């Protein structure tokens, strides 16, 4: 009769190693809001609250930054989410008779590493 040691090597166990898949984080895009002479401050605050889900205080802060500097970041999202939000804001602005303009730009590769 074979010993237990001999029997252990004949168990027919197949060992399969799985490669670890590293998922790459999706690229993020900043949505920039641009100042104009016609869109009201109240409408900009409304958009920042309703579309970008900022608090009233944060919305006012962003609106003032856009007003004083010419542009500001409304939010940072994946490409698809950013495109959807830009389209939604453009529809809202058009429906309300405002020329509010937004644009998207890729977030730098290193900006999210320390967070």
Protein backbone atom coordinates (compact mmCIF):
# COMPACT_ATOMS: atom_id res chain seq x y z
CA UNK A 1 0.00 0.00 0.00
CA UNK A 2 1.44 3.43 -0.91
CA UNK A 3 2.30 5.81 1.86
CA UNK A 4 0.33 9.01 2.37
CA UNK A 5 3.24 11.03 1.02
CA UNK A 6 3.18 9.14 -2.27
CA UNK A 7 -0.60 9.37 -2.51
CA UNK A 8 -0.57 13.18 -2.06
CA UNK A 9 1.27 13.71 -5.32
CA UNK A 10 -1.29 11.65 -7.28
CA UNK A 11 -4.41 13.57 -6.24
CA UNK A 12 -4.81 15.11 -9.69
CA UNK A 13 -5.14 18.63 -8.36
CA UNK A 14 -4.79 21.22 -11.08
CA UNK A 15 -3.54 24.57 -9.93
CA UNK A 16 -4.51 27.48 -12.11
CA UNK A 17 -3.05 30.87 -11.47
CA UNK A 18 -5.14 33.88 -12.29
CA UNK A 19 -3.63 37.08 -13.54
CA UNK A 20 -4.56 40.06 -11.45
CA UNK A 21 -6.29 42.57 -13.61
CA UNK A 22 -5.51 46.16 -12.77
CA UNK A 23 -8.36 48.43 -13.65
CA UNK A 24 -7.32 51.82 -14.90
CA UNK A 25 -9.25 54.71 -13.44
CA UNK A 26 -11.34 56.48 -16.05
CA UNK A 27 -10.04 59.83 -17.24
CA UNK A 28 -11.79 62.74 -15.59
CA UNK A 29 -12.93 65.95 -17.23
CA UNK A 30 -13.45 69.38 -15.73
CA UNK A 31 -16.58 71.24 -16.71
CA UNK A 32 -15.78 74.92 -17.03
CA UNK A 33 -18.47 77.54 -16.76
CA UNK A 34 -17.78 80.78 -18.67
CA UNK A 35 -18.91 84.26 -17.71
CA UNK A 36 -21.10 86.34 -20.02
CA UNK A 37 -22.89 89.66 -19.72
CA UNK A 38 -26.43 88.28 -19.98
CA UNK A 39 -26.88 85.15 -17.86
CA UNK A 40 -28.17 86.14 -14.45
CA UNK A 41 -26.32 85.23 -11.30
CA UNK A 42 -29.46 83.59 -9.95
CA UNK A 43 -29.66 81.29 -12.97
CA UNK A 44 -26.02 80.28 -12.60
CA UNK A 45 -26.58 79.46 -8.91
CA UNK A 46 -29.71 77.49 -9.85
CA UNK A 47 -27.73 75.45 -12.43
CA UNK A 48 -24.91 74.77 -9.97
CA UNK A 49 -27.41 73.53 -7.38
CA UNK A 50 -29.77 71.56 -9.62
CA UNK A 51 -27.36 70.03 -12.16
CA UNK A 52 -24.09 69.86 -10.22
CA UNK A 53 -25.63 69.33 -6.75
CA UNK A 54 -23.59 72.00 -4.98
CA UNK A 55 -24.94 73.59 -1.81
CA UNK A 56 -26.30 77.12 -2.04
CA UNK A 57 -23.18 78.54 -0.40
CA UNK A 58 -20.80 76.63 -2.67
CA UNK A 59 -22.90 77.58 -5.72
CA UNK A 60 -22.67 81.29 -4.84
CA UNK A 61 -18.92 80.95 -4.29
CA UNK A 62 -18.43 79.29 -7.72
CA UNK A 63 -20.73 81.82 -9.42
CA UNK A 64 -18.75 84.75 -7.97
CA UNK A 65 -15.48 83.14 -9.03
CA UNK A 66 -16.80 82.73 -12.59
CA UNK A 67 -18.10 86.31 -12.56
CA UNK A 68 -14.82 87.78 -11.29
CA UNK A 69 -12.30 85.67 -13.24
CA UNK A 70 -14.17 84.79 -16.43
CA UNK A 71 -14.46 81.04 -15.85
CA UNK A 72 -14.56 78.43 -13.12
CA UNK A 73 -14.91 74.72 -12.51
CA UNK A 74 -18.49 73.56 -12.04
CA UNK A 75 -17.46 69.94 -11.44
CA UNK A 76 -15.18 67.05 -12.39
CA UNK A 77 -16.65 63.88 -13.89
CA UNK A 78 -15.98 61.02 -16.28
CA UNK A 79 -16.36 61.94 -19.95
CA UNK A 80 -19.87 60.55 -20.36
CA UNK A 81 -21.23 62.20 -17.21
CA UNK A 82 -19.57 65.51 -18.09
CA UNK A 83 -20.99 65.46 -21.62
CA UNK A 84 -24.47 64.74 -20.26
CA UNK A 85 -24.27 67.57 -17.73
CA UNK A 86 -23.00 70.07 -20.33
CA UNK A 87 -25.85 69.13 -22.68
CA UNK A 88 -28.40 69.46 -19.87
CA UNK A 89 -27.13 72.92 -18.88
CA UNK A 90 -27.10 74.08 -22.48
CA UNK A 91 -30.74 72.96 -22.88
CA UNK A 92 -31.74 74.72 -19.65
CA UNK A 93 -29.94 77.91 -20.67
CA UNK A 94 -31.53 77.90 -24.12
CA UNK A 95 -35.01 77.25 -22.67
CA UNK A 96 -34.54 80.23 -20.34
CA UNK A 97 -33.07 82.53 -22.99
CA UNK A 98 -29.51 82.67 -21.62
CA UNK A 99 -26.26 82.29 -23.57
CA UNK A 100 -24.52 80.44 -20.72
CA UNK A 101 -21.55 78.55 -22.12
CA UNK A 102 -19.74 75.55 -20.68
CA UNK A 103 -16.73 73.62 -21.91
CA UNK A 104 -14.88 70.46 -20.93
CA UNK A 105 -11.19 69.84 -20.51
CA UNK A 106 -9.31 66.73 -19.42
CA UNK A 107 -8.15 66.76 -15.84
CA UNK A 108 -4.37 66.47 -15.61
CA UNK A 109 -3.11 62.93 -14.97
CA UNK A 110 -1.40 63.87 -11.68
CA UNK A 111 -4.13 65.98 -10.08
CA UNK A 112 -6.06 63.08 -8.51
CA UNK A 113 -3.14 61.08 -7.12
CA UNK A 114 -2.84 62.86 -3.79
CA UNK A 115 -6.52 62.67 -2.95
